Amino acid sequence: MVGFGNFFSRPVVESQPEYSVLPAGNYEAVLVDSRMKQSKAGKEYLSLEFKIRSGEHANRSVWGRYMIHDTGAAGQIARNQLQALEDATGVVKPADSSEWHDIPVIIAVKVVPSKGDYGPSNEITNFIRLQSPPRLKPQAAIQSDDSPW
């Protein structure tokens, strides 16, 4: 047996899992966090974190970033996206973003290629209402009239 003494005295650091980008597609997800953040350029944006609910990528997060105070194209895109989120959740004109939390929706995700110092990433391109399966109507009793069809 070999004693190591203080050889392994460095602090224990838990390794973080490395995630690759999600494949482009539609995912059932819920909004779990929403907050205003500051970009590196000093602009404020709304950050929405969605957690995927099922399938191979269950419990993975996807973030949407929306420049809601921008008066140009970025602001228009944000308004369009958030209107789609209103439609998907059924919560129109919420008092704050927490009203959208925990409502299952479908998020449409695309892959954004690497750019500059940044690797590939995911972007939410649309929100779709989660449709419940249609209810089947009970079949009417079959009446015999002696016809084969």
Protein backbone atom coordinates (compact mmCIF):
# COMPACT_ATOMS: atom_id res chain seq x y z
CA MET A 1 0.00 0.00 0.00
CA VAL A 2 1.25 3.50 -0.85
CA GLY A 3 0.36 6.50 1.30
CA PHE A 4 -0.14 9.76 -0.60
CA GLY A 5 -0.19 12.15 2.36
CA ASN A 6 -1.10 15.62 1.07
CA PHE A 7 -0.33 14.77 -2.55
CA PHE A 8 -4.00 15.15 -3.53
CA SER A 9 -4.56 18.36 -1.59
CA ARG A 10 -5.85 20.43 -4.53
CA PRO A 11 -9.44 21.58 -4.24
CA VAL A 12 -12.04 19.27 -5.73
CA VAL A 13 -13.68 20.83 -8.77
CA GLU A 14 -16.81 19.23 -10.12
CA SER A 15 -16.62 18.81 -13.86
CA GLN A 16 -19.37 20.43 -15.86
CA PRO A 17 -20.97 18.38 -18.61
CA GLU A 18 -20.23 19.59 -22.11
CA TYR A 19 -23.30 20.05 -24.25
CA SER A 20 -23.35 20.26 -27.96
CA VAL A 21 -26.01 22.28 -29.72
CA LEU A 22 -29.40 20.67 -30.12
CA PRO A 23 -30.37 19.49 -33.57
CA ALA A 24 -32.76 21.82 -35.38
CA GLY A 25 -36.36 20.85 -34.76
CA ASN A 26 -39.44 21.32 -32.62
CA TYR A 27 -39.32 20.55 -28.90
CA GLU A 28 -41.94 20.52 -26.15
CA ALA A 29 -40.66 22.90 -23.48
CA VAL A 30 -41.64 25.17 -20.60
CA LEU A 31 -40.35 28.58 -19.65
CA VAL A 32 -38.49 28.19 -16.35
CA ASP A 33 -36.66 31.51 -15.99
CA SER A 34 -37.03 35.03 -17.33
CA ARG A 35 -34.94 38.06 -16.49
CA MET A 36 -33.48 41.22 -17.95
CA LYS A 37 -29.75 41.02 -18.70
CA GLN A 38 -27.06 43.27 -20.12
CA SER A 39 -25.28 42.44 -23.38
CA LYS A 40 -21.52 42.92 -23.76
CA ALA A 41 -22.36 46.04 -25.78
CA GLY A 42 -24.30 47.39 -22.78
CA LYS A 43 -27.80 46.89 -24.21
CA GLU A 44 -30.53 45.43 -22.07
CA TYR A 45 -32.38 42.32 -23.29
CA LEU A 46 -34.97 39.85 -22.04
CA SER A 47 -33.49 36.39 -21.48
CA LEU A 48 -35.94 33.46 -21.46
CA GLU A 49 -34.76 29.98 -20.44
CA PHE A 50 -36.84 27.08 -21.73
CA LYS A 51 -36.41 23.54 -20.41
CA ILE A 52 -37.13 20.68 -22.81
CA ARG A 53 -39.68 18.32 -21.27
CA SER A 54 -39.31 15.01 -23.06
CA GLY A 55 -37.38 12.88 -25.49
CA GLU A 56 -33.69 12.41 -26.00
CA HIS A 57 -32.93 16.01 -24.97
CA ALA A 58 -35.18 16.16 -21.88
CA ASN A 59 -34.01 18.64 -19.22
CA ARG A 60 -31.74 20.51 -21.62
CA SER A 61 -32.12 24.28 -21.66
CA VAL A 62 -32.51 26.60 -24.63
CA TRP A 63 -32.35 30.38 -24.23
CA GLY A 64 -34.09 33.08 -26.17
CA ARG A 65 -32.73 36.65 -26.12
CA TYR A 66 -35.06 39.51 -27.00
CA MET A 67 -34.15 43.18 -27.39
CA ILE A 68 -37.53 44.42 -26.19
CA HIS A 69 -36.43 48.08 -25.80
CA ASP A 70 -34.85 48.34 -29.26
CA THR A 71 -36.73 50.58 -31.70
CA GLY A 72 -35.17 49.03 -34.81
CA ALA A 73 -35.25 45.63 -36.48
CA ALA A 74 -34.12 43.73 -33.37
CA GLY A 75 -37.04 45.21 -31.41
CA GLN A 76 -39.51 44.28 -34.15
CA ILE A 77 -38.21 40.70 -34.18
CA ALA A 78 -38.56 40.59 -30.38
CA ARG A 79 -42.15 41.86 -30.55
CA ASN A 80 -43.05 39.29 -33.21
CA GLN A 81 -41.47 36.46 -31.23
CA LEU A 82 -43.16 37.46 -27.98
CA GLN A 83 -46.53 37.72 -29.74
CA ALA A 84 -45.99 34.13 -30.90
CA LEU A 85 -45.23 33.19 -27.26
CA GLU A 86 -48.45 34.93 -26.16
CA ASP A 87 -50.40 32.89 -28.72
CA ALA A 88 -48.65 29.65 -27.77
CA THR A 89 -49.26 30.04 -24.04
CA GLY A 90 -52.69 31.62 -24.29
CA VAL A 91 -51.47 34.38 -21.96
CA VAL A 92 -51.92 37.62 -23.88
CA LYS A 93 -50.55 40.91 -22.53
CA PRO A 94 -49.12 39.46 -19.30
CA ALA A 95 -48.33 41.85 -16.45
CA ASP A 96 -44.86 40.25 -16.33
CA SER A 97 -43.02 37.35 -17.92
CA SER A 98 -43.65 35.02 -14.96
CA GLU A 99 -47.20 34.51 -16.27
CA TRP A 100 -45.68 32.50 -19.15
CA HIS A 101 -43.74 30.20 -16.83
CA ASP A 102 -44.57 26.48 -16.63
CA ILE A 103 -46.97 26.49 -19.60
CA PRO A 104 -45.98 23.77 -22.08
CA VAL A 105 -45.35 25.02 -25.62
CA ILE A 106 -43.51 23.83 -28.69
CA ILE A 107 -40.31 25.75 -29.40
CA ALA A 108 -38.90 25.73 -32.93
CA VAL A 109 -35.11 25.63 -32.68
CA LYS A 110 -32.48 26.22 -35.34
CA VAL A 111 -28.70 25.89 -35.29
CA VAL A 112 -26.71 29.09 -35.73
CA PRO A 113 -23.24 28.39 -37.23
CA SER A 114 -20.00 29.45 -35.54
CA LYS A 115 -19.14 33.14 -35.79
CA GLY A 116 -15.93 34.80 -34.64
CA ASP A 117 -14.98 33.62 -31.15
CA TYR A 118 -18.33 31.89 -30.67
CA GLY A 119 -19.07 28.27 -31.52
CA PRO A 120 -22.37 27.08 -32.96
CA SER A 121 -25.45 27.80 -30.88
CA ASN A 122 -29.20 27.33 -30.85
CA GLU A 123 -31.79 29.99 -31.54
CA ILE A 124 -35.53 29.79 -30.88
CA THR A 125 -37.32 30.87 -34.05
CA ASN A 126 -40.96 30.33 -33.13
CA PHE A 127 -43.40 29.29 -30.43
CA ILE A 128 -46.29 26.99 -31.22
CA ARG A 129 -49.31 26.15 -29.09
CA LEU A 130 -49.11 22.63 -27.75
CA GLN A 131 -52.14 20.91 -29.19
CA SER A 132 -53.86 18.34 -27.06
CA PRO A 133 -54.80 15.22 -29.00
CA PRO A 134 -58.22 15.48 -30.60
CA ARG A 135 -60.96 13.76 -28.68
CA LEU A 136 -62.50 10.94 -30.58
CA LYS A 137 -66.25 11.11 -30.90
CA PRO A 138 -68.03 7.96 -29.81
CA GLN A 139 -69.19 6.03 -32.81
CA ALA A 140 -72.90 5.86 -33.32
CA ALA A 141 -74.44 2.47 -32.87
CA ILE A 142 -74.32 0.55 -36.10
CA GLN A 143 -77.82 -0.05 -37.37
CA SER A 144 -78.48 -3.08 -39.45
CA ASP A 145 -80.34 -2.44 -42.66
CA ASP A 146 -79.10 -5.64 -44.30
CA SER A 147 -76.78 -3.72 -46.64
CA PRO A 148 -73.13 -4.89 -46.59
CA TRP A 149 -71.88 -1.29 -46.47
